Amino acid sequence: RHYSNIASHLSFITTSHRAHRSHQPTSMHASDPGSGSNPKQYDLVSFGNAVVDVLIGISSYPIRSGEHQNLTQPPTFSPGGACNALIVGSRLGLSTAAIDRIGSDELGNYLTTSLQTENVDTSAL
């Protein structure tokens, strides 16, 4: 995998450590991490683990080896992983941001839109 884009956002880690010790908000350069100008302040930042949970209801459990199961309803999709903490933090009034690499496919677009709807900064996705 190619992580140079993500690596350019790592400057927030040392800032986060210092902020934790001094009880100051974390500073992250989400739009242009190398510029050093106008850092954005966040209360909660996630790095990685931005995923979509797919919930599927089945007709019976446990599933026997080699058997097919009938779906009881269409699958539902929900932001998962670290996105859950960001959404909860945002709903509680925290300034939140996600840093990760996600696909530009249907699920990646769904995840980005879901986070934006919840006022999570997605400029580093």
N, C-alpha and C. Protein backbone atom coordinates (compact mmCIF):
# COMPACT_ATOMS: atom_id res chain seq x y z
N ARG A 1 0.83 -1.19 0.00
CA ARG A 1 0.00 0.00 0.00
C ARG A 1 0.88 1.25 0.00
N HIS A 2 0.33 2.30 -0.52
CA HIS A 2 1.05 3.57 -0.59
C HIS A 2 0.46 4.52 0.45
N TYR A 3 1.26 4.86 1.47
CA TYR A 3 0.76 5.66 2.58
C TYR A 3 1.34 7.06 2.65
N SER A 4 1.93 7.55 1.58
CA SER A 4 2.58 8.86 1.67
C SER A 4 1.58 9.96 2.02
N ASN A 5 0.36 9.87 1.51
CA ASN A 5 -0.65 10.87 1.84
C ASN A 5 -0.96 10.87 3.33
N ILE A 6 -1.12 9.69 3.89
CA ILE A 6 -1.42 9.58 5.32
C ILE A 6 -0.21 10.05 6.13
N ALA A 7 0.97 9.64 5.71
CA ALA A 7 2.17 10.00 6.46
C ALA A 7 2.34 11.51 6.53
N SER A 8 1.88 12.23 5.53
CA SER A 8 2.01 13.69 5.56
C SER A 8 1.16 14.33 6.65
N HIS A 9 0.21 13.58 7.19
CA HIS A 9 -0.65 14.10 8.25
C HIS A 9 -0.19 13.69 9.65
N LEU A 10 0.94 13.01 9.75
CA LEU A 10 1.37 12.48 11.04
C LEU A 10 1.88 13.54 12.01
N SER A 11 2.03 14.75 11.57
CA SER A 11 2.55 15.78 12.48
C SER A 11 1.64 15.98 13.68
N PHE A 12 0.38 15.56 13.57
CA PHE A 12 -0.55 15.75 14.70
C PHE A 12 -0.22 14.84 15.87
N ILE A 13 0.53 13.76 15.66
CA ILE A 13 0.78 12.80 16.74
C ILE A 13 1.59 13.45 17.86
N THR A 14 2.69 14.11 17.52
CA THR A 14 3.48 14.74 18.58
C THR A 14 2.72 15.90 19.18
N THR A 15 1.98 16.62 18.36
CA THR A 15 1.17 17.71 18.89
C THR A 15 0.12 17.17 19.84
N SER A 16 -0.46 16.03 19.48
CA SER A 16 -1.48 15.41 20.33
C SER A 16 -0.89 15.02 21.68
N HIS A 17 0.32 14.48 21.67
CA HIS A 17 0.97 14.08 22.92
C HIS A 17 1.22 15.30 23.81
N ARG A 18 1.72 16.37 23.20
CA ARG A 18 1.94 17.60 23.97
C ARG A 18 0.61 18.17 24.45
N ALA A 19 -0.42 18.13 23.60
CA ALA A 19 -1.72 18.67 23.98
C ALA A 19 -2.31 17.89 25.15
N HIS A 20 -2.10 16.57 25.15
CA HIS A 20 -2.62 15.75 26.24
C HIS A 20 -1.98 16.16 27.56
N ARG A 21 -0.69 16.39 27.54
CA ARG A 21 0.00 16.76 28.77
C ARG A 21 -0.39 18.15 29.23
N SER A 22 -0.67 19.06 28.30
CA SER A 22 -0.99 20.43 28.68
C SER A 22 -2.50 20.70 28.67
N HIS A 23 -3.28 19.68 28.37
CA HIS A 23 -4.74 19.80 28.33
C HIS A 23 -5.21 20.84 27.31
N GLN A 24 -4.53 20.92 26.19
CA GLN A 24 -4.92 21.81 25.11
C GLN A 24 -5.48 20.98 23.97
N PRO A 25 -6.36 21.56 23.12
CA PRO A 25 -6.87 20.80 21.98
C PRO A 25 -5.75 20.38 21.04
N THR A 26 -5.95 19.27 20.36
CA THR A 26 -4.99 18.78 19.39
C THR A 26 -4.98 19.69 18.17
N SER A 27 -3.81 19.95 17.64
CA SER A 27 -3.67 20.76 16.45
C SER A 27 -3.29 19.84 15.30
N MET A 28 -3.97 19.98 14.16
CA MET A 28 -3.69 19.15 13.00
C MET A 28 -3.81 20.00 11.76
N HIS A 29 -2.91 19.81 10.82
CA HIS A 29 -2.95 20.52 9.56
C HIS A 29 -3.66 19.62 8.55
N ALA A 30 -4.99 19.64 8.54
CA ALA A 30 -5.74 18.71 7.70
C ALA A 30 -5.69 19.10 6.24
N SER A 31 -5.73 20.38 5.91
CA SER A 31 -5.79 20.76 4.52
C SER A 31 -4.42 20.79 3.86
N ASP A 32 -3.40 21.19 4.59
CA ASP A 32 -2.05 21.26 4.05
C ASP A 32 -1.05 21.05 5.18
N PRO A 33 -0.78 19.77 5.51
CA PRO A 33 0.02 19.49 6.69
C PRO A 33 1.43 20.05 6.66
N GLY A 34 1.99 20.29 5.50
CA GLY A 34 3.35 20.77 5.43
C GLY A 34 3.48 22.28 5.51
N SER A 35 2.38 22.99 5.43
CA SER A 35 2.46 24.44 5.34
C SER A 35 2.77 25.11 6.66
N GLY A 36 2.27 24.56 7.77
CA GLY A 36 2.48 25.17 9.08
C GLY A 36 1.63 26.40 9.32
N SER A 37 0.78 26.76 8.38
CA SER A 37 -0.06 27.94 8.57
C SER A 37 -1.49 27.54 8.88
N ASN A 38 -2.11 28.30 9.75
CA ASN A 38 -3.51 28.11 10.13
C ASN A 38 -3.85 26.68 10.51
N PRO A 39 -3.20 26.13 11.54
CA PRO A 39 -3.56 24.77 11.95
C PRO A 39 -4.99 24.72 12.47
N LYS A 40 -5.68 23.65 12.16
CA LYS A 40 -7.04 23.46 12.66
C LYS A 40 -6.97 22.80 14.03
N GLN A 41 -7.87 23.16 14.91
CA GLN A 41 -7.91 22.61 16.25
C GLN A 41 -9.01 21.56 16.33
N TYR A 42 -8.68 20.39 16.89
CA TYR A 42 -9.64 19.31 17.05
C TYR A 42 -9.59 18.78 18.47
N ASP A 43 -10.73 18.35 18.95
CA ASP A 43 -10.80 17.69 20.25
C ASP A 43 -10.54 16.20 20.12
N LEU A 44 -10.92 15.63 18.96
CA LEU A 44 -10.81 14.19 18.74
C LEU A 44 -10.44 13.92 17.29
N VAL A 45 -9.36 13.16 17.07
CA VAL A 45 -8.89 12.82 15.73
C VAL A 45 -8.68 11.32 15.66
N SER A 46 -9.16 10.69 14.59
CA SER A 46 -8.88 9.26 14.39
C SER A 46 -7.90 9.12 13.24
N PHE A 47 -7.04 8.14 13.36
CA PHE A 47 -6.08 7.82 12.30
C PHE A 47 -6.28 6.36 11.94
N GLY A 48 -6.83 6.11 10.77
CA GLY A 48 -7.06 4.74 10.32
C GLY A 48 -8.35 4.15 10.85
N ASN A 49 -8.65 2.94 10.40
CA ASN A 49 -9.82 2.17 10.81
C ASN A 49 -11.14 2.85 10.48
N ALA A 50 -11.19 3.58 9.36
CA ALA A 50 -12.45 4.13 8.87
C ALA A 50 -13.09 3.06 7.99
N VAL A 51 -14.10 2.40 8.52
CA VAL A 51 -14.72 1.28 7.81
C VAL A 51 -16.23 1.44 7.80
N VAL A 52 -16.88 0.63 6.97
CA VAL A 52 -18.34 0.56 6.93
C VAL A 52 -18.74 -0.80 7.48
N ASP A 53 -19.62 -0.81 8.46
CA ASP A 53 -20.18 -2.06 8.97
C ASP A 53 -21.34 -2.47 8.08
N VAL A 54 -21.40 -3.74 7.73
CA VAL A 54 -22.51 -4.30 6.97
C VAL A 54 -23.23 -5.28 7.88
N LEU A 55 -24.48 -4.97 8.20
CA LEU A 55 -25.27 -5.80 9.10
C LEU A 55 -26.24 -6.63 8.28
N ILE A 56 -26.19 -7.95 8.47
CA ILE A 56 -27.01 -8.87 7.69
C ILE A 56 -27.78 -9.77 8.64
N GLY A 57 -29.10 -9.70 8.58
CA GLY A 57 -29.95 -10.59 9.38
C GLY A 57 -30.13 -11.92 8.66
N ILE A 58 -29.97 -13.03 9.38
CA ILE A 58 -30.13 -14.35 8.77
C ILE A 58 -31.30 -15.08 9.43
N SER A 59 -31.79 -16.13 8.76
CA SER A 59 -32.99 -16.81 9.22
C SER A 59 -32.77 -17.70 10.43
N SER A 60 -31.57 -18.22 10.64
CA SER A 60 -31.32 -19.05 11.82
C SER A 60 -29.84 -19.03 12.17
N TYR A 61 -29.58 -19.37 13.44
CA TYR A 61 -28.21 -19.40 13.94
C TYR A 61 -28.11 -20.54 14.93
N PRO A 62 -27.10 -21.31 15.01
CA PRO A 62 -25.83 -21.16 14.30
C PRO A 62 -25.94 -21.62 12.85
N ILE A 63 -25.02 -21.16 12.06
CA ILE A 63 -24.97 -21.54 10.65
C ILE A 63 -24.24 -22.87 10.55
N ARG A 64 -24.86 -23.81 9.89
CA ARG A 64 -24.21 -25.12 9.69
C ARG A 64 -23.31 -25.06 8.46
N SER A 65 -22.20 -25.73 8.56
CA SER A 65 -21.24 -25.75 7.47
C SER A 65 -21.89 -26.25 6.19
N GLY A 66 -21.69 -25.53 5.11
CA GLY A 66 -22.21 -25.93 3.81
C GLY A 66 -23.65 -25.53 3.55
N GLU A 67 -24.34 -24.96 4.51
CA GLU A 67 -25.73 -24.54 4.31
C GLU A 67 -25.79 -23.07 3.93
N HIS A 68 -26.79 -22.76 3.15
CA HIS A 68 -27.07 -21.37 2.81
C HIS A 68 -28.11 -20.84 3.79
N GLN A 69 -28.07 -19.55 4.04
CA GLN A 69 -29.03 -18.91 4.92
C GLN A 69 -29.85 -17.91 4.12
N ASN A 70 -31.11 -17.79 4.48
CA ASN A 70 -31.96 -16.77 3.86
C ASN A 70 -31.79 -15.46 4.63
N LEU A 71 -31.75 -14.38 3.88
CA LEU A 71 -31.70 -13.08 4.52
C LEU A 71 -33.09 -12.73 5.01
N THR A 72 -33.19 -12.20 6.22
CA THR A 72 -34.48 -11.81 6.76
C THR A 72 -34.87 -10.41 6.34
N GLN A 73 -33.90 -9.64 5.88
CA GLN A 73 -34.13 -8.28 5.39
C GLN A 73 -32.90 -7.86 4.60
N PRO A 74 -33.01 -6.78 3.82
CA PRO A 74 -31.83 -6.32 3.08
C PRO A 74 -30.71 -5.89 4.04
N PRO A 75 -29.46 -6.03 3.64
CA PRO A 75 -28.35 -5.59 4.49
C PRO A 75 -28.46 -4.10 4.79
N THR A 76 -28.01 -3.70 5.97
CA THR A 76 -27.94 -2.28 6.32
C THR A 76 -26.47 -1.90 6.49
N PHE A 77 -26.18 -0.66 6.19
CA PHE A 77 -24.82 -0.15 6.24
C PHE A 77 -24.73 0.94 7.29
N SER A 78 -23.61 0.99 7.98
CA SER A 78 -23.41 1.97 9.04
C SER A 78 -21.92 2.27 9.15
N PRO A 79 -21.55 3.55 9.41
CA PRO A 79 -20.14 3.82 9.67
C PRO A 79 -19.67 2.97 10.85
N GLY A 80 -18.49 2.41 10.74
CA GLY A 80 -17.97 1.54 11.81
C GLY A 80 -16.57 1.92 12.21
N GLY A 81 -15.97 1.09 13.02
CA GLY A 81 -14.60 1.31 13.47
C GLY A 81 -14.46 2.63 14.20
N ALA A 82 -13.39 3.35 13.90
CA ALA A 82 -13.11 4.63 14.55
C ALA A 82 -14.17 5.69 14.24
N CYS A 83 -14.91 5.49 13.15
CA CYS A 83 -15.95 6.46 12.79
C CYS A 83 -17.01 6.57 13.88
N ASN A 84 -17.27 5.48 14.58
CA ASN A 84 -18.25 5.52 15.67
C ASN A 84 -17.85 6.53 16.73
N ALA A 85 -16.59 6.51 17.13
CA ALA A 85 -16.12 7.45 18.16
C ALA A 85 -16.19 8.89 17.65
N LEU A 86 -15.85 9.10 16.38
CA LEU A 86 -15.90 10.46 15.83
C LEU A 86 -17.33 10.98 15.80
N ILE A 87 -18.27 10.14 15.39
CA ILE A 87 -19.67 10.56 15.32
C ILE A 87 -20.20 10.87 16.71
N VAL A 88 -19.93 10.01 17.67
CA VAL A 88 -20.39 10.26 19.04
C VAL A 88 -19.75 11.54 19.57
N GLY A 89 -18.45 11.71 19.35
CA GLY A 89 -17.78 12.92 19.80
C GLY A 89 -18.39 14.17 19.19
N SER A 90 -18.68 14.11 17.90
CA SER A 90 -19.29 15.25 17.22
C SER A 90 -20.68 15.55 17.78
N ARG A 91 -21.45 14.50 18.03
CA ARG A 91 -22.79 14.70 18.60
C ARG A 91 -22.74 15.28 20.01
N LEU A 92 -21.63 15.04 20.70
CA LEU A 92 -21.44 15.59 22.05
C LEU A 92 -20.84 17.00 22.03
N GLY A 93 -20.60 17.51 20.82
CA GLY A 93 -20.11 18.88 20.70
C GLY A 93 -18.62 19.02 20.51
N LEU A 94 -17.90 17.91 20.33
CA LEU A 94 -16.46 17.97 20.10
C LEU A 94 -16.17 18.29 18.64
N SER A 95 -15.04 18.91 18.39
CA SER A 95 -14.54 19.13 17.05
C SER A 95 -13.77 17.87 16.65
N THR A 96 -14.19 17.20 15.56
CA THR A 96 -13.63 15.90 15.21
C THR A 96 -13.12 15.88 13.77
N ALA A 97 -12.15 14.99 13.52
CA ALA A 97 -11.59 14.83 12.18
C ALA A 97 -11.13 13.40 11.98
N ALA A 98 -11.22 12.93 10.74
CA ALA A 98 -10.77 11.58 10.36
C ALA A 98 -9.59 11.70 9.41
N ILE A 99 -8.56 10.87 9.65
CA ILE A 99 -7.42 10.77 8.75
C ILE A 99 -7.31 9.32 8.33
N ASP A 100 -7.42 9.07 7.04
CA ASP A 100 -7.34 7.70 6.54
C ASP A 100 -7.33 7.74 5.02
N ARG A 101 -7.10 6.59 4.44
CA ARG A 101 -7.26 6.41 2.99
C ARG A 101 -8.45 5.52 2.78
N ILE A 102 -9.39 5.99 1.99
CA ILE A 102 -10.56 5.18 1.67
C ILE A 102 -10.75 5.19 0.17
N GLY A 103 -11.50 4.21 -0.32
CA GLY A 103 -11.73 4.10 -1.75
C GLY A 103 -12.69 5.16 -2.25
N SER A 104 -12.67 5.37 -3.56
CA SER A 104 -13.61 6.31 -4.18
C SER A 104 -14.80 5.56 -4.76
N ASP A 105 -15.05 4.37 -4.21
CA ASP A 105 -16.18 3.56 -4.66
C ASP A 105 -17.44 3.95 -3.89
N GLU A 106 -18.50 3.18 -4.08
CA GLU A 106 -19.79 3.48 -3.46
C GLU A 106 -19.70 3.50 -1.93
N LEU A 107 -19.00 2.53 -1.33
CA LEU A 107 -18.89 2.49 0.13
C LEU A 107 -18.00 3.62 0.66
N GLY A 108 -16.95 3.95 -0.06
CA GLY A 108 -16.11 5.08 0.34
C GLY A 108 -16.88 6.39 0.31
N ASN A 109 -17.68 6.57 -0.74
CA ASN A 109 -18.50 7.78 -0.84
C ASN A 109 -19.56 7.81 0.26
N TYR A 110 -20.15 6.64 0.56
CA TYR A 110 -21.14 6.55 1.64
C TYR A 110 -20.50 6.96 2.97
N LEU A 111 -19.31 6.44 3.24
CA LEU A 111 -18.63 6.74 4.50
C LEU A 111 -18.31 8.23 4.62
N THR A 112 -17.76 8.81 3.56
CA THR A 112 -17.43 10.23 3.57
C THR A 112 -18.68 11.08 3.81
N THR A 113 -19.74 10.79 3.07
CA THR A 113 -20.99 11.54 3.22
C THR A 113 -21.57 11.39 4.62
N SER A 114 -21.52 10.17 5.16
CA SER A 114 -22.04 9.93 6.52
C SER A 114 -21.28 10.75 7.55
N LEU A 115 -19.96 10.79 7.44
CA LEU A 115 -19.15 11.57 8.39
C LEU A 115 -19.41 13.07 8.23
N GLN A 116 -19.51 13.53 7.00
CA GLN A 116 -19.77 14.95 6.76
C GLN A 116 -21.13 15.35 7.32
N THR A 117 -22.13 14.48 7.18
CA THR A 117 -23.46 14.74 7.72
C THR A 117 -23.40 14.91 9.24
N GLU A 118 -22.47 14.22 9.87
CA GLU A 118 -22.30 14.28 11.33
C GLU A 118 -21.29 15.35 11.76
N ASN A 119 -20.92 16.24 10.83
CA ASN A 119 -19.99 17.34 11.11
C ASN A 119 -18.59 16.88 11.51
N VAL A 120 -18.15 15.76 10.94
CA VAL A 120 -16.77 15.29 11.12
C VAL A 120 -15.96 15.82 9.94
N ASP A 121 -14.81 16.42 10.21
CA ASP A 121 -13.95 16.94 9.14
C ASP A 121 -13.36 15.76 8.37
N THR A 122 -13.63 15.71 7.07
CA THR A 122 -13.15 14.62 6.22
C THR A 122 -12.10 15.10 5.22
N SER A 123 -11.54 16.26 5.43
CA SER A 123 -10.60 16.81 4.45
C SER A 123 -9.31 16.00 4.35
N ALA A 124 -9.03 15.11 5.32
CA ALA A 124 -7.82 14.29 5.27
C ALA A 124 -8.14 12.84 4.91
N LEU A 125 -9.30 12.61 4.30
CA LEU A 125 -9.63 11.26 3.81
C LEU A 125 -9.22 11.15 2.37
